[in-house]
Amino acid sequence: MDTEEYRKKIEEEVLEIIEAKLIEGEMNAQRAREIARYVLESLHPHMNLDGIYKAVQTFDDHFGELVAVVVPVANEYENHIRKVVTTHVSQLIKEKKINEANKLLSHAIDKKIKVAG
């Protein structure tokens, strides 16, 4: 799934939460508008994965209802980073570039790794 499809999927999940909360009477129309506006202002077309991740991480800071969206995105992002780092570290070790592999692992542990895709 490319980043545009991923962004749209997240927006749809937020919409589903809003709709369910409205139907259940757990949210009023004003709150629904606030959430929708915030999400649409935070997620933009053609964002990269890092941008999407950073935007989504703020959702539950403002709207506790959106924790169900934030947690899976965070988990997917961390799994993606783990896969990318593991692949690169394995390649560096095969090339006997142990210092570079160690540096990459340190950056990953310190969460200084960013992905473009």
Protein backbone atom coordinates (compact mmCIF):
# COMPACT_ATOMS: atom_id res chain seq x y z
CA MET A 1 0.00 0.00 0.00
CA ASP A 2 1.48 3.36 -0.95
CA THR A 3 1.43 6.35 1.40
CA GLU A 4 -1.62 7.92 -0.27
CA GLU A 5 -3.66 4.78 0.22
CA TYR A 6 -2.38 4.52 3.79
CA ARG A 7 -3.34 8.14 4.55
CA LYS A 8 -6.83 7.57 3.12
CA LYS A 9 -7.18 4.36 5.15
CA ILE A 10 -6.40 6.29 8.34
CA GLU A 11 -8.91 8.99 7.42
CA GLU A 12 -11.54 6.31 6.82
CA GLU A 13 -10.82 4.72 10.21
CA VAL A 14 -11.25 8.11 11.90
CA LEU A 15 -14.52 8.61 10.04
CA GLU A 16 -15.74 5.19 11.19
CA ILE A 17 -14.96 6.09 14.81
CA ILE A 18 -16.76 9.42 14.50
CA GLU A 19 -19.77 7.77 12.89
CA ALA A 20 -19.98 5.05 15.55
CA LYS A 21 -19.67 7.58 18.39
CA LEU A 22 -22.36 9.79 16.85
CA ILE A 23 -24.73 6.84 16.41
CA GLU A 24 -24.11 5.66 19.97
CA GLY A 25 -24.68 9.18 21.30
CA GLU A 26 -21.14 9.29 22.72
CA MET A 27 -20.19 12.33 20.63
CA ASN A 28 -21.96 15.47 19.54
CA ALA A 29 -21.78 17.08 16.10
CA GLN A 30 -19.46 19.87 17.30
CA ARG A 31 -16.89 17.35 18.58
CA ALA A 32 -17.17 15.37 15.36
CA ARG A 33 -16.45 18.53 13.33
CA GLU A 34 -13.45 19.37 15.54
CA ILE A 35 -11.97 15.91 15.07
CA ALA A 36 -12.61 15.88 11.32
CA ARG A 37 -11.09 19.33 10.89
CA TYR A 38 -8.01 18.42 12.92
CA VAL A 39 -7.42 15.20 11.01
CA LEU A 40 -7.86 16.85 7.63
CA GLU A 41 -5.48 19.67 8.62
CA SER A 42 -2.92 17.17 9.93
CA LEU A 43 -2.90 14.68 7.05
CA HIS A 44 -2.08 16.05 3.63
CA PRO A 45 -1.85 14.43 0.21
CA HIS A 46 1.59 13.10 -0.73
CA MET A 47 2.94 12.87 2.83
CA ASN A 48 5.76 10.41 3.41
CA LEU A 49 5.52 7.67 6.01
CA ASP A 50 7.41 9.69 8.63
CA GLY A 51 5.05 12.64 8.16
CA ILE A 52 1.98 10.44 8.48
CA TYR A 53 3.38 8.81 11.61
CA LYS A 54 4.20 12.14 13.25
CA ALA A 55 0.77 13.57 12.42
CA VAL A 56 -1.13 10.55 13.69
CA GLN A 57 0.87 10.50 16.93
CA THR A 58 -0.77 13.81 17.89
CA PHE A 59 -4.35 12.63 17.33
CA ASP A 60 -4.89 11.15 20.77
CA ASP A 61 -3.17 14.10 22.44
CA HIS A 62 -6.16 16.17 21.38
CA PHE A 63 -8.86 13.53 20.95
CA GLY A 64 -8.82 10.47 23.18
CA GLU A 65 -11.39 8.84 20.92
CA LEU A 66 -8.69 8.34 18.29
CA VAL A 67 -6.37 6.11 20.33
CA ALA A 68 -7.76 3.17 18.32
CA VAL A 69 -6.20 4.73 15.23
CA VAL A 70 -2.93 5.86 16.82
CA VAL A 71 -1.81 2.56 18.34
CA PRO A 72 -1.98 0.46 15.14
CA VAL A 73 -0.20 3.19 13.13
CA ALA A 74 2.56 3.38 15.74
CA ASN A 75 2.94 -0.42 15.74
CA GLU A 76 3.01 -0.61 11.93
CA TYR A 77 5.58 2.18 11.74
CA GLU A 78 7.83 0.57 14.34
CA ASN A 79 7.57 -2.79 12.57
CA HIS A 80 8.48 -1.13 9.27
CA ILE A 81 11.50 0.58 10.85
CA ARG A 82 12.56 -2.70 12.47
CA LYS A 83 12.38 -4.50 9.11
CA VAL A 84 14.35 -1.79 7.29
CA VAL A 85 17.04 -1.64 10.00
CA THR A 86 17.35 -5.43 10.19
CA THR A 87 17.80 -5.68 6.43
CA HIS A 88 20.44 -2.95 6.36
CA VAL A 89 22.31 -4.23 9.41
CA SER A 90 22.40 -7.73 7.94
CA GLN A 91 23.84 -6.38 4.71
CA LEU A 92 26.45 -4.30 6.56
CA ILE A 93 27.51 -7.31 8.61
CA LYS A 94 27.85 -9.43 5.45
CA GLU A 95 30.07 -6.66 4.08
CA LYS A 96 32.07 -6.77 7.36
CA LYS A 97 31.12 -3.16 8.12
CA ILE A 98 30.59 -3.81 11.82
CA ASN A 99 31.09 -0.20 12.95
CA GLU A 100 28.49 1.06 10.49
CA ALA A 101 26.06 -1.68 11.54
CA ASN A 102 26.59 -0.74 15.20
CA LYS A 103 26.02 2.94 14.42
CA LEU A 104 22.80 2.14 12.54
CA LEU A 105 21.55 0.02 15.46
CA SER A 106 22.34 2.84 17.88
CA HIS A 107 20.36 5.28 15.76
CA ALA A 108 17.46 2.84 15.63
CA ILE A 109 17.48 2.41 19.40
CA ASP A 110 17.53 6.20 19.85
CA LYS A 111 14.67 6.47 17.32
CA LYS A 112 16.74 8.65 14.99
CA ILE A 113 15.85 6.56 11.94
CA LYS A 114 13.48 7.99 9.35
CA VAL A 115 12.06 6.31 6.27
CA ALA A 116 11.08 7.95 3.04
CA GLY A 117 8.49 5.56 1.66
